[in-house]
Amino acid sequence: MLSQHHSDRGTAIVVLGMHRSGTSALTGILSRCGVPLGSRLYDGHAGINDKGYFENAPLADLNDDLLLAVGSCWHDLSGPSARMVAAAATQAVSPGHGRGS
């Protein structure tokens, strides 16, 4: 069982890994040990993954959005180029773009 220690800042546990590398299994184990995963998890698929994916949907969707912003996706083996990342970052911080506009 996890320690009941809490701080004002909180603690985040982030499980990262490649597709089909066991991240859902590890996150499922963490959940059974008392780690809260949030209330908006991806549902399972009958006959494929009945128990669910143990992924926080808003965070996984953010990851997909970030990859899309740099011209990539989860199954792109080459990954985004440094040029694409720099262009997306420049656009994100440019005046008139983002939350404050």
PDB file of N, CA and C in Angstrom:
ATOM      1  N   MET A   1       0.841  -1.173   0.000  1.00  0.00           N
ATOM      2  CA  MET A   1       0.000   0.000   0.000  1.00  0.00           C
ATOM      3  C   MET A   1       0.887   1.238   0.000  1.00  0.00           C
ATOM      4  N   LEU A   2       0.437   2.282  -0.658  1.00  0.00           N
ATOM      5  CA  LEU A   2       1.214   3.507  -0.713  1.00  0.00           C
ATOM      6  C   LEU A   2       1.180   4.235   0.611  1.00  0.00           C
ATOM      7  N   SER A   3       2.215   4.985   0.843  1.00  0.00           N
ATOM      8  CA  SER A   3       2.296   5.814   2.039  1.00  0.00           C
ATOM      9  C   SER A   3       1.149   6.816   2.043  1.00  0.00           C
ATOM     10  N   GLN A   4       0.662   7.141   3.192  1.00  0.00           N
ATOM     11  CA  GLN A   4      -0.417   8.104   3.310  1.00  0.00           C
ATOM     12  C   GLN A   4       0.106   9.533   3.424  1.00  0.00           C
ATOM     13  N   HIS A   5       1.402   9.731   3.139  1.00  0.00           N
ATOM     14  CA  HIS A   5       2.009  11.057   3.201  1.00  0.00           C
ATOM     15  C   HIS A   5       1.411  11.943   2.110  1.00  0.00           C
ATOM     16  N   HIS A   6       0.962  13.104   2.483  1.00  0.00           N
ATOM     17  CA  HIS A   6       0.434  14.072   1.535  1.00  0.00           C
ATOM     18  C   HIS A   6       1.135  15.392   1.759  1.00  0.00           C
ATOM     19  N   SER A   7       1.383  16.117   0.700  1.00  0.00           N
ATOM     20  CA  SER A   7       1.960  17.443   0.817  1.00  0.00           C
ATOM     21  C   SER A   7       1.024  18.433   0.156  1.00  0.00           C
ATOM     22  N   ASP A   8       1.297  19.711   0.370  1.00  0.00           N
ATOM     23  CA  ASP A   8       0.474  20.737  -0.253  1.00  0.00           C
ATOM     24  C   ASP A   8       0.619  20.716  -1.768  1.00  0.00           C
ATOM     25  N   ARG A   9       1.775  20.313  -2.258  1.00  0.00           N
ATOM     26  CA  ARG A   9       2.036  20.316  -3.690  1.00  0.00           C
ATOM     27  C   ARG A   9       1.522  19.059  -4.378  1.00  0.00           C
ATOM     28  N   GLY A  10       1.362  17.979  -3.673  1.00  0.00           N
ATOM     29  CA  GLY A  10       0.894  16.744  -4.278  1.00  0.00           C
ATOM     30  C   GLY A  10       2.017  16.012  -4.998  1.00  0.00           C
ATOM     31  N   THR A  11       1.702  14.870  -5.488  1.00  0.00           N
ATOM     32  CA  THR A  11       2.660  14.042  -6.206  1.00  0.00           C
ATOM     33  C   THR A  11       1.982  13.497  -7.444  1.00  0.00           C
ATOM     34  N   ALA A  12       2.686  13.531  -8.548  1.00  0.00           N
ATOM     35  CA  ALA A  12       2.172  12.954  -9.788  1.00  0.00           C
ATOM     36  C   ALA A  12       3.032  11.753 -10.153  1.00  0.00           C
ATOM     37  N   ILE A  13       2.382  10.685 -10.513  1.00  0.00           N
ATOM     38  CA  ILE A  13       3.068   9.515 -11.042  1.00  0.00           C
ATOM     39  C   ILE A  13       2.666   9.422 -12.502  1.00  0.00           C
ATOM     40  N   VAL A  14       3.637   9.495 -13.375  1.00  0.00           N
ATOM     41  CA  VAL A  14       3.377   9.437 -14.806  1.00  0.00           C
ATOM     42  C   VAL A  14       4.013   8.172 -15.358  1.00  0.00           C
ATOM     43  N   VAL A  15       3.209   7.362 -16.014  1.00  0.00           N
ATOM     44  CA  VAL A  15       3.697   6.133 -16.638  1.00  0.00           C
ATOM     45  C   VAL A  15       3.821   6.402 -18.131  1.00  0.00           C
ATOM     46  N   LEU A  16       5.042   6.327 -18.625  1.00  0.00           N
ATOM     47  CA  LEU A  16       5.306   6.568 -20.041  1.00  0.00           C
ATOM     48  C   LEU A  16       5.863   5.310 -20.676  1.00  0.00           C
ATOM     49  N   GLY A  17       5.509   5.076 -21.898  1.00  0.00           N
ATOM     50  CA  GLY A  17       6.062   3.931 -22.604  1.00  0.00           C
ATOM     51  C   GLY A  17       5.530   3.858 -24.012  1.00  0.00           C
ATOM     52  N   MET A  18       6.172   3.043 -24.790  1.00  0.00           N
ATOM     53  CA  MET A  18       5.753   2.826 -26.170  1.00  0.00           C
ATOM     54  C   MET A  18       4.448   2.030 -26.200  1.00  0.00           C
ATOM     55  N   HIS A  19       3.778   2.127 -27.324  1.00  0.00           N
ATOM     56  CA  HIS A  19       2.552   1.368 -27.578  1.00  0.00           C
ATOM     57  C   HIS A  19       2.821  -0.123 -27.379  1.00  0.00           C
ATOM     58  N   ARG A  20       1.934  -0.803 -26.676  1.00  0.00           N
ATOM     59  CA  ARG A  20       2.018  -2.249 -26.417  1.00  0.00           C
ATOM     60  C   ARG A  20       3.231  -2.631 -25.563  1.00  0.00           C
ATOM     61  N   SER A  21       3.636  -1.738 -24.652  1.00  0.00           N
ATOM     62  CA  SER A  21       4.816  -2.032 -23.832  1.00  0.00           C
ATOM     63  C   SER A  21       4.476  -2.373 -22.390  1.00  0.00           C
ATOM     64  N   GLY A  22       3.184  -2.466 -22.060  1.00  0.00           N
ATOM     65  CA  GLY A  22       2.794  -2.836 -20.707  1.00  0.00           C
ATOM     66  C   GLY A  22       2.416  -1.674 -19.803  1.00  0.00           C
ATOM     67  N   THR A  23       2.258  -0.483 -20.377  1.00  0.00           N
ATOM     68  CA  THR A  23       1.922   0.674 -19.542  1.00  0.00           C
ATOM     69  C   THR A  23       0.550   0.533 -18.885  1.00  0.00           C
ATOM     70  N   SER A  24      -0.422  -0.029 -19.606  1.00  0.00           N
ATOM     71  CA  SER A  24      -1.751  -0.226 -19.011  1.00  0.00           C
ATOM     72  C   SER A  24      -1.679  -1.228 -17.871  1.00  0.00           C
ATOM     73  N   ALA A  25      -0.914  -2.288 -18.048  1.00  0.00           N
ATOM     74  CA  ALA A  25      -0.775  -3.283 -16.986  1.00  0.00           C
ATOM     75  C   ALA A  25      -0.132  -2.666 -15.750  1.00  0.00           C
ATOM     76  N   LEU A  26       0.932  -1.899 -15.942  1.00  0.00           N
ATOM     77  CA  LEU A  26       1.599  -1.251 -14.811  1.00  0.00           C
ATOM     78  C   LEU A  26       0.671  -0.258 -14.125  1.00  0.00           C
ATOM     79  N   THR A  27      -0.053   0.539 -14.917  1.00  0.00           N
ATOM     80  CA  THR A  27      -0.965   1.514 -14.332  1.00  0.00           C
ATOM     81  C   THR A  27      -2.105   0.827 -13.598  1.00  0.00           C
ATOM     82  N   GLY A  28      -2.580  -0.301 -14.122  1.00  0.00           N
ATOM     83  CA  GLY A  28      -3.604  -1.084 -13.422  1.00  0.00           C
ATOM     84  C   GLY A  28      -3.102  -1.574 -12.077  1.00  0.00           C
ATOM     85  N   ILE A  29      -1.852  -2.009 -12.016  1.00  0.00           N
ATOM     86  CA  ILE A  29      -1.249  -2.448 -10.750  1.00  0.00           C
ATOM     87  C   ILE A  29      -1.147  -1.271  -9.785  1.00  0.00           C
ATOM     88  N   LEU A  30      -0.704  -0.111 -10.282  1.00  0.00           N
ATOM     89  CA  LEU A  30      -0.615   1.080  -9.431  1.00  0.00           C
ATOM     90  C   LEU A  30      -1.988   1.438  -8.864  1.00  0.00           C
ATOM     91  N   SER A  31      -3.024   1.321  -9.676  1.00  0.00           N
ATOM     92  CA  SER A  31      -4.377   1.593  -9.217  1.00  0.00           C
ATOM     93  C   SER A  31      -4.770   0.649  -8.086  1.00  0.00           C
ATOM     94  N   ARG A  32      -4.454  -0.627  -8.237  1.00  0.00           N
ATOM     95  CA  ARG A  32      -4.773  -1.611  -7.193  1.00  0.00           C
ATOM     96  C   ARG A  32      -3.987  -1.358  -5.913  1.00  0.00           C
ATOM     97  N   CYS A  33      -2.860  -0.620  -6.039  1.00  0.00           N
ATOM     98  CA  CYS A  33      -2.052  -0.260  -4.863  1.00  0.00           C
ATOM     99  C   CYS A  33      -2.519   1.047  -4.236  1.00  0.00           C
ATOM    100  N   GLY A  34      -3.556   1.663  -4.809  1.00  0.00           N
ATOM    101  CA  GLY A  34      -4.117   2.862  -4.200  1.00  0.00           C
ATOM    102  C   GLY A  34      -3.806   4.162  -4.906  1.00  0.00           C
ATOM    103  N   VAL A  35      -3.132   4.124  -6.033  1.00  0.00           N
ATOM    104  CA  VAL A  35      -2.841   5.350  -6.770  1.00  0.00           C
ATOM    105  C   VAL A  35      -4.110   5.778  -7.513  1.00  0.00           C
ATOM    106  N   PRO A  36      -4.605   6.991  -7.242  1.00  0.00           N
ATOM    107  CA  PRO A  36      -5.805   7.450  -7.942  1.00  0.00           C
ATOM    108  C   PRO A  36      -5.477   7.784  -9.398  1.00  0.00           C
ATOM    109  N   LEU A  37      -6.304   7.315 -10.324  1.00  0.00           N
ATOM    110  CA  LEU A  37      -6.059   7.523 -11.742  1.00  0.00           C
ATOM    111  C   LEU A  37      -6.953   8.589 -12.351  1.00  0.00           C
ATOM    112  N   GLY A  38      -7.825   9.148 -11.571  1.00  0.00           N
ATOM    113  CA  GLY A  38      -8.779  10.100 -12.119  1.00  0.00           C
ATOM    114  C   GLY A  38     -10.060   9.380 -12.502  1.00  0.00           C
ATOM    115  N   SER A  39     -11.050  10.142 -12.873  1.00  0.00           N
ATOM    116  CA  SER A  39     -12.362   9.556 -13.147  1.00  0.00           C
ATOM    117  C   SER A  39     -12.660   9.417 -14.632  1.00  0.00           C
ATOM    118  N   ARG A  40     -11.789   9.936 -15.476  1.00  0.00           N
ATOM    119  CA  ARG A  40     -12.050   9.909 -16.918  1.00  0.00           C
ATOM    120  C   ARG A  40     -11.017   9.025 -17.609  1.00  0.00           C
ATOM    121  N   LEU A  41     -11.211   7.717 -17.495  1.00  0.00           N
ATOM    122  CA  LEU A  41     -10.302   6.753 -18.106  1.00  0.00           C
ATOM    123  C   LEU A  41     -10.908   6.223 -19.402  1.00  0.00           C
ATOM    124  N   TYR A  42     -10.030   5.801 -20.314  1.00  0.00           N
ATOM    125  CA  TYR A  42     -10.527   5.155 -21.534  1.00  0.00           C
ATOM    126  C   TYR A  42     -11.175   3.834 -21.167  1.00  0.00           C
ATOM    127  N   ASP A  43     -12.337   3.573 -21.757  1.00  0.00           N
ATOM    128  CA  ASP A  43     -13.040   2.312 -21.546  1.00  0.00           C
ATOM    129  C   ASP A  43     -12.332   1.184 -22.282  1.00  0.00           C
ATOM    130  N   GLY A  44     -12.607  -0.032 -21.849  1.00  0.00           N
ATOM    131  CA  GLY A  44     -12.075  -1.203 -22.534  1.00  0.00           C
ATOM    132  C   GLY A  44     -12.878  -1.524 -23.780  1.00  0.00           C
ATOM    133  N   HIS A  45     -12.378  -2.492 -24.518  1.00  0.00           N
ATOM    134  CA  HIS A  45     -13.075  -2.991 -25.698  1.00  0.00           C
ATOM    135  C   HIS A  45     -13.354  -4.469 -25.483  1.00  0.00           C
ATOM    136  N   ALA A  46     -14.621  -4.854 -25.619  1.00  0.00           N
ATOM    137  CA  ALA A  46     -15.022  -6.246 -25.397  1.00  0.00           C
ATOM    138  C   ALA A  46     -14.207  -7.193 -26.270  1.00  0.00           C
ATOM    139  N   GLY A  47     -13.644  -8.191 -25.629  1.00  0.00           N
ATOM    140  CA  GLY A  47     -12.879  -9.197 -26.336  1.00  0.00           C
ATOM    141  C   GLY A  47     -11.454  -8.808 -26.684  1.00  0.00           C
ATOM    142  N   ILE A  48     -11.109  -7.536 -26.507  1.00  0.00           N
ATOM    143  CA  ILE A  48      -9.750  -7.070 -26.814  1.00  0.00           C
ATOM    144  C   ILE A  48      -9.038  -6.665 -25.532  1.00  0.00           C
ATOM    145  N   ASN A  49      -9.683  -5.788 -24.775  1.00  0.00           N
ATOM    146  CA  ASN A  49      -9.138  -5.326 -23.505  1.00  0.00           C
ATOM    147  C   ASN A  49     -10.332  -5.041 -22.602  1.00  0.00           C
ATOM    148  N   ASP A  50     -10.892  -6.095 -22.039  1.00  0.00           N
ATOM    149  CA  ASP A  50     -12.129  -5.983 -21.262  1.00  0.00           C
ATOM    150  C   ASP A  50     -11.995  -5.105 -20.022  1.00  0.00           C
ATOM    151  N   LYS A  51     -10.828  -5.084 -19.411  1.00  0.00           N
ATOM    152  CA  LYS A  51     -10.645  -4.356 -18.150  1.00  0.00           C
ATOM    153  C   LYS A  51     -10.420  -2.860 -18.342  1.00  0.00           C
ATOM    154  N   GLY A  52     -10.164  -2.429 -19.546  1.00  0.00           N
ATOM    155  CA  GLY A  52      -9.913  -1.019 -19.799  1.00  0.00           C
ATOM    156  C   GLY A  52      -8.433  -0.752 -19.966  1.00  0.00           C
ATOM    157  N   TYR A  53      -8.132   0.482 -20.283  1.00  0.00           N
ATOM    158  CA  TYR A  53      -6.760   0.841 -20.615  1.00  0.00           C
ATOM    159  C   TYR A  53      -6.025   1.567 -19.488  1.00  0.00           C
ATOM    160  N   PHE A  54      -6.713   1.961 -18.444  1.00  0.00           N
ATOM    161  CA  PHE A  54      -6.109   2.644 -17.303  1.00  0.00           C
ATOM    162  C   PHE A  54      -5.335   3.880 -17.747  1.00  0.00           C
ATOM    163  N   GLU A  55      -5.850   4.560 -18.761  1.00  0.00           N
ATOM    164  CA  GLU A  55      -5.243   5.798 -19.235  1.00  0.00           C
ATOM    165  C   GLU A  55      -6.185   6.942 -18.926  1.00  0.00           C
ATOM    166  N   ASN A  56      -5.638   8.008 -18.365  1.00  0.00           N
ATOM    167  CA  ASN A  56      -6.414   9.207 -18.120  1.00  0.00           C
ATOM    168  C   ASN A  56      -6.693   9.844 -19.480  1.00  0.00           C
ATOM    169  N   ALA A  57      -7.948   9.829 -19.902  1.00  0.00           N
ATOM    170  CA  ALA A  57      -8.313  10.252 -21.255  1.00  0.00           C
ATOM    171  C   ALA A  57      -7.866  11.687 -21.573  1.00  0.00           C
ATOM    172  N   PRO A  58      -8.077  12.671 -20.696  1.00  0.00           N
ATOM    173  CA  PRO A  58      -7.633  14.028 -21.042  1.00  0.00           C
ATOM    174  C   PRO A  58      -6.114  14.118 -21.260  1.00  0.00           C
ATOM    175  N   LEU A  59      -5.331  13.398 -20.466  1.00  0.00           N
ATOM    176  CA  LEU A  59      -3.879  13.432 -20.656  1.00  0.00           C
ATOM    177  C   LEU A  59      -3.465  12.715 -21.936  1.00  0.00           C
ATOM    178  N   ALA A  60      -4.076  11.580 -22.217  1.00  0.00           N
ATOM    179  CA  ALA A  60      -3.763  10.862 -23.455  1.00  0.00           C
ATOM    180  C   ALA A  60      -4.183  11.681 -24.673  1.00  0.00           C
ATOM    181  N   ASP A  61      -5.320  12.356 -24.590  1.00  0.00           N
ATOM    182  CA  ASP A  61      -5.767  13.210 -25.693  1.00  0.00           C
ATOM    183  C   ASP A  61      -4.816  14.390 -25.880  1.00  0.00           C
ATOM    184  N   LEU A  62      -4.306  14.956 -24.778  1.00  0.00           N
ATOM    185  CA  LEU A  62      -3.325  16.037 -24.862  1.00  0.00           C
ATOM    186  C   LEU A  62      -2.072  15.553 -25.583  1.00  0.00           C
ATOM    187  N   ASN A  63      -1.616  14.347 -25.267  1.00  0.00           N
ATOM    188  CA  ASN A  63      -0.456  13.779 -25.940  1.00  0.00           C
ATOM    189  C   ASN A  63      -0.707  13.690 -27.445  1.00  0.00           C
ATOM    190  N   ASP A  64      -1.887  13.202 -27.835  1.00  0.00           N
ATOM    191  CA  ASP A  64      -2.214  13.117 -29.260  1.00  0.00           C
ATOM    192  C   ASP A  64      -2.235  14.502 -29.902  1.00  0.00           C
ATOM    193  N   ASP A  65      -2.790  15.490 -29.198  1.00  0.00           N
ATOM    194  CA  ASP A  65      -2.846  16.856 -29.724  1.00  0.00           C
ATOM    195  C   ASP A  65      -1.443  17.442 -29.898  1.00  0.00           C
ATOM    196  N   LEU A  66      -0.565  17.191 -28.931  1.00  0.00           N
ATOM    197  CA  LEU A  66       0.816  17.686 -29.034  1.00  0.00           C
ATOM    198  C   LEU A  66       1.538  17.049 -30.215  1.00  0.00           C
ATOM    199  N   LEU A  67       1.367  15.745 -30.389  1.00  0.00           N
ATOM    200  CA  LEU A  67       1.988  15.072 -31.529  1.00  0.00           C
ATOM    201  C   LEU A  67       1.436  15.620 -32.848  1.00  0.00           C
ATOM    202  N   LEU A  68       0.126  15.834 -32.913  1.00  0.00           N
ATOM    203  CA  LEU A  68      -0.490  16.369 -34.113  1.00  0.00           C
ATOM    204  C   LEU A  68       0.041  17.765 -34.433  1.00  0.00           C
ATOM    205  N   ALA A  69       0.256  18.572 -33.391  1.00  0.00           N
ATOM    206  CA  ALA A  69       0.745  19.934 -33.581  1.00  0.00           C
ATOM    207  C   ALA A  69       2.136  19.969 -34.212  1.00  0.00           C
ATOM    208  N   VAL A  70       2.901  18.910 -34.041  1.00  0.00           N
ATOM    209  CA  VAL A  70       4.250  18.857 -34.623  1.00  0.00           C
ATOM    210  C   VAL A  70       4.306  17.896 -35.817  1.00  0.00           C
ATOM    211  N   GLY A  71       3.139  17.606 -36.376  1.00  0.00           N
ATOM    212  CA  GLY A  71       3.075  16.803 -37.585  1.00  0.00           C
ATOM    213  C   GLY A  71       3.360  15.327 -37.377  1.00  0.00           C
ATOM    214  N   SER A  72       3.006  14.792 -36.231  1.00  0.00           N
ATOM    215  CA  SER A  72       3.298  13.397 -35.936  1.00  0.00           C
ATOM    216  C   SER A  72       2.062  12.718 -35.350  1.00  0.00           C
ATOM    217  N   CYS A  73       2.197  11.466 -34.970  1.00  0.00           N
ATOM    218  CA  CYS A  73       1.142  10.706 -34.314  1.00  0.00           C
ATOM    219  C   CYS A  73       1.773   9.541 -33.568  1.00  0.00           C
ATOM    220  N   TRP A  74       0.998   8.815 -32.770  1.00  0.00           N
ATOM    221  CA  TRP A  74       1.552   7.778 -31.901  1.00  0.00           C
ATOM    222  C   TRP A  74       2.218   6.650 -32.675  1.00  0.00           C
ATOM    223  N   HIS A  75       1.822   6.408 -33.906  1.00  0.00           N
ATOM    224  CA  HIS A  75       2.398   5.299 -34.662  1.00  0.00           C
ATOM    225  C   HIS A  75       3.438   5.750 -35.692  1.00  0.00           C
ATOM    226  N   ASP A  76       3.882   6.990 -35.606  1.00  0.00           N
ATOM    227  CA  ASP A  76       4.916   7.528 -36.487  1.00  0.00           C
ATOM    228  C   ASP A  76       6.278   7.134 -35.932  1.00  0.00           C
ATOM    229  N   LEU A  77       6.931   6.173 -36.563  1.00  0.00           N
ATOM    230  CA  LEU A  77       8.209   5.672 -36.055  1.00  0.00           C
ATOM    231  C   LEU A  77       9.336   6.682 -36.175  1.00  0.00           C
ATOM    232  N   SER A  78       9.238   7.606 -37.111  1.00  0.00           N
ATOM    233  CA  SER A  78      10.310   8.585 -37.275  1.00  0.00           C
ATOM    234  C   SER A  78      10.221   9.704 -36.248  1.00  0.00           C
ATOM    235  N   GLY A  79       9.027   9.939 -35.738  1.00  0.00           N
ATOM    236  CA  GLY A  79       8.846  11.004 -34.747  1.00  0.00           C
ATOM    237  C   GLY A  79       8.897  12.375 -35.394  1.00  0.00           C
ATOM    238  N   PRO A  80       8.566  13.396 -34.630  1.00  0.00           N
ATOM    239  CA  PRO A  80       8.576  14.754 -35.176  1.00  0.00           C
ATOM    240  C   PRO A  80      10.009  15.249 -35.345  1.00  0.00           C
ATOM    241  N   SER A  81      10.210  16.075 -36.355  1.00  0.00           N
ATOM    242  CA  SER A  81      11.536  16.665 -36.553  1.00  0.00           C
ATOM    243  C   SER A  81      11.708  17.850 -35.604  1.00  0.00           C
ATOM    244  N   ALA A  82      12.948  18.175 -35.315  1.00  0.00           N
ATOM    245  CA  ALA A  82      13.237  19.331 -34.453  1.00  0.00           C
ATOM    246  C   ALA A  82      12.661  20.600 -35.069  1.00  0.00           C
ATOM    247  N   ARG A  83      12.685  20.689 -36.384  1.00  0.00           N
ATOM    248  CA  ARG A  83      12.148  21.865 -37.070  1.00  0.00           C
ATOM    249  C   ARG A  83      10.641  21.998 -36.833  1.00  0.00           C
ATOM    250  N   MET A  84       9.917  20.866 -36.898  1.00  0.00           N
ATOM    251  CA  MET A  84       8.469  20.894 -36.671  1.00  0.00           C
ATOM    252  C   MET A  84       8.149  21.281 -35.231  1.00  0.00           C
ATOM    253  N   VAL A  85       8.914  20.756 -34.280  1.00  0.00           N
ATOM    254  CA  VAL A  85       8.696  21.095 -32.871  1.00  0.00           C
ATOM    255  C   VAL A  85       8.949  22.580 -32.652  1.00  0.00           C
ATOM    256  N   ALA A  86      10.033  23.109 -33.210  1.00  0.00           N
ATOM    257  CA  ALA A  86      10.356  24.537 -33.060  1.00  0.00           C
ATOM    258  C   ALA A  86       9.268  25.405 -33.678  1.00  0.00           C
ATOM    259  N   ALA A  87       8.763  25.024 -34.843  1.00  0.00           N
ATOM    260  CA  ALA A  87       7.711  25.797 -35.499  1.00  0.00           C
ATOM    261  C   ALA A  87       6.428  25.796 -34.678  1.00  0.00           C
ATOM    262  N   ALA A  88       6.053  24.636 -34.140  1.00  0.00           N
ATOM    263  CA  ALA A  88       4.845  24.546 -33.306  1.00  0.00           C
ATOM    264  C   ALA A  88       5.001  25.354 -32.028  1.00  0.00           C
ATOM    265  N   ALA A  89       6.177  25.305 -31.417  1.00  0.00           N
ATOM    266  CA  ALA A  89       6.419  26.068 -30.187  1.00  0.00           C
ATOM    267  C   ALA A  89       6.369  27.563 -30.469  1.00  0.00           C
ATOM    268  N   THR A  90       6.952  27.987 -31.574  1.00  0.00           N
ATOM    269  CA  THR A  90       6.933  29.404 -31.947  1.00  0.00           C
ATOM    270  C   THR A  90       5.509  29.883 -32.174  1.00  0.00           C
ATOM    271  N   GLN A  91       4.721  29.067 -32.867  1.00  0.00           N
ATOM    272  CA  GLN A  91       3.324  29.437 -33.110  1.00  0.00           C
ATOM    273  C   GLN A  91       2.540  29.505 -31.804  1.00  0.00           C
ATOM    274  N   ALA A  92       2.812  28.591 -30.886  1.00  0.00           N
ATOM    275  CA  ALA A  92       2.068  28.541 -29.625  1.00  0.00           C
ATOM    276  C   ALA A  92       2.310  29.764 -28.758  1.00  0.00           C
ATOM    277  N   VAL A  93       3.484  30.365 -28.848  1.00  0.00           N
ATOM    278  CA  VAL A  93       3.796  31.517 -27.994  1.00  0.00           C
ATOM    279  C   VAL A  93       3.693  32.844 -28.735  1.00  0.00           C
ATOM    280  N   SER A  94       3.285  32.814 -29.996  1.00  0.00           N
ATOM    281  CA  SER A  94       3.178  34.043 -30.761  1.00  0.00           C
ATOM    282  C   SER A  94       1.959  34.847 -30.307  1.00  0.00           C
ATOM    283  N   PRO A  95       2.028  36.184 -30.417  1.00  0.00           N
ATOM    284  CA  PRO A  95       0.887  37.023 -30.020  1.00  0.00           C
ATOM    285  C   PRO A  95      -0.368  36.646 -30.806  1.00  0.00           C
ATOM    286  N   GLY A  96      -1.497  36.684 -30.134  1.00  0.00           N
ATOM    287  CA  GLY A  96      -2.761  36.368 -30.766  1.00  0.00           C
ATOM    288  C   GLY A  96      -3.072  34.889 -30.856  1.00  0.00           C
ATOM    289  N   HIS A  97      -2.236  34.072 -30.227  1.00  0.00           N
ATOM    290  CA  HIS A  97      -2.463  32.627 -30.272  1.00  0.00           C
ATOM    291  C   HIS A  97      -2.517  32.122 -28.840  1.00  0.00           C
ATOM    292  N   GLY A  98      -3.391  31.198 -28.582  1.00  0.00           N
ATOM    293  CA  GLY A  98      -3.416  30.571 -27.256  1.00  0.00           C
ATOM    294  C   GLY A  98      -4.557  31.055 -26.406  1.00  0.00           C
ATOM    295  N   ARG A  99      -4.452  30.775 -25.118  1.00  0.00           N
ATOM    296  CA  ARG A  99      -5.567  31.013 -24.188  1.00  0.00           C
ATOM    297  C   ARG A  99      -5.852  32.474 -23.948  1.00  0.00           C
ATOM    298  N   GLY A 100      -4.841  33.307 -23.986  1.00  0.00           N
ATOM    299  CA  GLY A 100      -5.049  34.720 -23.660  1.00  0.00           C
ATOM    300  C   GLY A 100      -5.624  35.542 -24.791  1.00  0.00           C
ATOM    301  N   SER A 101      -5.776  34.956 -25.981  1.00  0.00           N
ATOM    302  CA  SER A 101      -6.243  35.752 -27.123  1.00  0.00           C
ATOM    303  C   SER A 101      -7.740  35.774 -27.218  1.00  0.00           C
TER     304      SER A 101
END
